[in-house]
Protein backbone atom coordinates (compact mmCIF):
# COMPACT_ATOMS: atom_id res chain seq x y z
CA UNK A 1 32.71 -69.97 -28.68
CA UNK A 2 29.00 -70.16 -27.98
CA UNK A 3 29.62 -69.85 -24.22
CA UNK A 4 31.46 -66.48 -24.20
CA UNK A 5 28.73 -64.87 -26.33
CA UNK A 6 26.05 -65.96 -23.85
CA UNK A 7 27.92 -64.39 -20.90
CA UNK A 8 28.46 -61.07 -22.65
CA UNK A 9 24.78 -59.85 -22.58
CA UNK A 10 24.54 -60.58 -18.83
CA UNK A 11 27.53 -58.35 -18.12
CA UNK A 12 26.01 -55.55 -20.19
CA UNK A 13 22.61 -55.71 -18.41
CA UNK A 14 24.25 -55.56 -14.97
CA UNK A 15 26.29 -52.58 -16.05
CA UNK A 16 23.24 -50.69 -17.44
CA UNK A 17 21.29 -50.90 -14.12
CA UNK A 18 23.87 -48.83 -12.25
CA UNK A 19 22.83 -45.42 -13.69
CA UNK A 20 19.19 -46.25 -12.99
CA UNK A 21 19.92 -47.07 -9.36
CA UNK A 22 22.04 -43.92 -8.98
CA UNK A 23 19.22 -41.84 -10.47
CA UNK A 24 16.67 -43.28 -8.06
CA UNK A 25 19.00 -42.70 -5.10
CA UNK A 26 19.63 -39.08 -6.13
CA UNK A 27 15.90 -38.55 -6.61
CA UNK A 28 15.14 -39.77 -3.09
CA UNK A 29 17.92 -37.66 -1.56
CA UNK A 30 16.79 -34.57 -3.50
CA UNK A 31 13.15 -35.11 -2.54
CA UNK A 32 14.06 -35.47 1.13
CA UNK A 33 16.22 -32.35 1.04
CA UNK A 34 13.45 -30.38 -0.68
CA UNK A 35 10.89 -31.53 1.87
CA UNK A 36 13.19 -30.51 4.71
CA UNK A 37 13.90 -27.10 3.17
CA UNK A 38 10.23 -26.26 2.69
CA UNK A 39 9.07 -27.72 5.99
CA UNK A 40 11.77 -25.97 8.06
CA UNK A 41 11.16 -22.61 6.39
CA UNK A 42 14.54 -22.36 4.67
CA UNK A 43 13.08 -22.22 1.17
CA UNK A 44 9.93 -20.12 1.58
CA UNK A 45 11.16 -17.97 4.46
CA UNK A 46 8.07 -18.72 6.53
CA UNK A 47 7.85 -19.82 10.11
CA UNK A 48 8.37 -23.53 10.50
CA UNK A 49 5.17 -25.53 10.26
CA UNK A 50 6.52 -28.19 12.58
CA UNK A 51 6.93 -25.83 15.55
CA UNK A 52 4.35 -26.41 18.24
CA UNK A 53 2.47 -23.50 19.75
CA UNK A 54 1.36 -23.44 23.34
CA UNK A 55 -2.27 -22.75 24.18
CA UNK A 56 -1.46 -19.17 25.27
CA UNK A 57 0.13 -18.22 21.93
CA UNK A 58 -2.16 -17.05 19.15
CA UNK A 59 -1.11 -16.08 15.65
CA UNK A 60 -1.11 -12.35 15.04
CA UNK A 61 -4.40 -11.14 13.57
CA UNK A 62 -4.53 -7.97 11.54
CA UNK A 63 -7.08 -5.32 12.42
CA UNK A 64 -10.19 -5.13 10.28
CA UNK A 65 -10.15 -2.26 7.82
CA UNK A 66 -12.36 0.69 8.69
CA UNK A 67 -15.32 0.08 6.38
CA UNK A 68 -19.01 0.73 6.27
CA UNK A 69 -21.94 -0.51 4.20
CA UNK A 70 -24.52 1.51 2.30
CA UNK A 71 -27.71 -0.41 1.56
CA UNK A 72 -29.28 0.15 -1.84
CA UNK A 73 -33.02 0.01 -2.46
CA UNK A 74 -34.23 -3.21 -4.11
CA UNK A 75 -34.74 -3.11 -7.89
CA UNK A 76 -37.23 -5.04 -9.99
CA UNK A 77 -36.42 -5.06 -13.71
CA UNK A 78 -39.00 -6.37 -16.21
CA UNK A 79 -37.94 -7.98 -19.48
CA UNK A 80 -40.22 -8.28 -22.51
CA UNK A 81 -43.16 -6.31 -21.21
CA UNK A 82 -45.58 -7.58 -18.59
CA UNK A 83 -45.44 -11.24 -19.63
CA UNK A 84 -41.64 -11.56 -19.58
CA UNK A 85 -39.46 -12.57 -16.65
CA UNK A 86 -38.51 -10.20 -13.85
CA UNK A 87 -35.16 -9.65 -12.17
CA UNK A 88 -35.15 -8.89 -8.45
CA UNK A 89 -31.91 -7.24 -7.42
CA UNK A 90 -30.75 -6.06 -4.00
CA UNK A 91 -27.22 -5.01 -3.04
CA UNK A 92 -25.01 -3.10 -0.62
CA UNK A 93 -21.92 -1.01 -1.22
CA UNK A 94 -18.79 -1.58 0.82
CA UNK A 95 -17.22 1.85 1.38
CA UNK A 96 -14.39 3.32 3.42
CA UNK A 97 -15.97 4.57 6.65
CA UNK A 98 -14.95 8.23 6.22
CA UNK A 99 -16.81 8.32 2.88
CA UNK A 100 -20.07 6.74 4.11
CA UNK A 101 -22.04 9.98 4.17
CA UNK A 102 -20.71 11.13 0.79
CA UNK A 103 -21.67 7.84 -0.88
CA UNK A 104 -25.09 7.82 0.84
CA UNK A 105 -25.78 11.28 -0.66
CA UNK A 106 -25.31 10.01 -4.23
CA UNK A 107 -27.35 6.82 -3.72
CA UNK A 108 -30.14 8.03 -6.07
CA UNK A 109 -27.57 8.51 -8.83
CA UNK A 110 -26.16 5.02 -8.13
CA UNK A 111 -29.65 3.55 -8.34
CA UNK A 112 -30.23 5.32 -11.66
CA UNK A 113 -26.99 3.90 -13.11
CA UNK A 114 -27.79 0.37 -11.91
CA UNK A 115 -31.38 0.54 -13.18
CA UNK A 116 -30.27 1.83 -16.58
CA UNK A 117 -27.56 -0.80 -16.91
CA UNK A 118 -29.74 -3.76 -15.84
CA UNK A 119 -32.51 -2.74 -18.24
CA UNK A 120 -30.00 -2.66 -21.11
CA UNK A 121 -28.65 -6.16 -20.40
CA UNK A 122 -29.89 -8.87 -22.76
CA UNK A 123 -31.98 -11.58 -21.12
CA UNK A 124 -29.80 -14.33 -22.64
CA UNK A 125 -26.74 -12.77 -20.99
CA UNK A 126 -28.45 -13.12 -17.60
CA UNK A 127 -29.02 -16.84 -18.11
CA UNK A 128 -25.33 -17.67 -18.64
CA UNK A 129 -23.46 -19.35 -15.79
CA UNK A 130 -20.85 -16.59 -15.59
CA UNK A 131 -23.39 -13.76 -15.83
CA UNK A 132 -23.24 -12.70 -12.19
CA UNK A 133 -19.47 -12.27 -12.21
CA UNK A 134 -19.54 -10.15 -15.36
CA UNK A 135 -22.53 -8.07 -14.25
CA UNK A 136 -21.02 -7.44 -10.83
CA UNK A 137 -17.77 -6.17 -12.32
CA UNK A 138 -19.62 -3.92 -14.78
CA UNK A 139 -21.92 -2.51 -12.11
CA UNK A 140 -19.05 -1.91 -9.66
CA UNK A 141 -17.12 0.03 -12.29
CA UNK A 142 -20.12 2.22 -13.06
CA UNK A 143 -20.72 2.83 -9.34
CA UNK A 144 -17.08 3.82 -8.84
CA UNK A 145 -17.36 6.32 -11.69
CA UNK A 146 -20.49 7.85 -10.15
CA UNK A 147 -19.12 8.03 -6.59
CA UNK A 148 -15.66 9.13 -7.71
CA UNK A 149 -12.27 7.79 -6.72
CA UNK A 150 -11.82 4.85 -4.38
CA UNK A 151 -14.77 5.53 -2.12
CA UNK A 152 -16.48 2.22 -2.98
CA UNK A 153 -14.48 -0.97 -2.43
CA UNK A 154 -16.98 -3.57 -3.51
CA UNK A 155 -20.53 -4.32 -4.55
CA UNK A 156 -22.14 -6.97 -2.38
CA UNK A 157 -25.05 -8.65 -4.13
CA UNK A 158 -27.64 -9.75 -1.60
CA UNK A 159 -30.38 -10.89 -3.99
CA UNK A 160 -30.24 -11.69 -7.70
CA UNK A 161 -33.31 -13.67 -8.75
CA UNK A 162 -34.56 -14.07 -12.30
CA UNK A 163 -38.13 -15.43 -12.39
């Protein structure tokens, strides 16, 4: 009787490995099919990455948008009187080319808005790591309000030095 009991666990362990092996096989087949679908462009709908291009073929390049830049005068903002640190700020506005002259006409108003905003910013806010991202978004929104509509696409910060 001791012999049949010893053989019984071996039969059960052999039987329990079959689902594991089937799972691994299905995983490999599914992974290969997924790789093929993505690589051939079936899944994402893109051009196949494995196709080779000749030297004469170049991918299509979109035309650059019609834009212009309006340079703003540099600003120096003092914090805490004469002994405190200074902020040197210089930027350009990215505008749609047809609106270049209109935006250039209101540049003094833009400078006034930027100067007023930067003077109101707390010095500790300027020292944070994420300060430039927040300030840029706030200044761009104020500039867009002053210039009206979608004339200004972006604010390009050329110099932002706190010393």
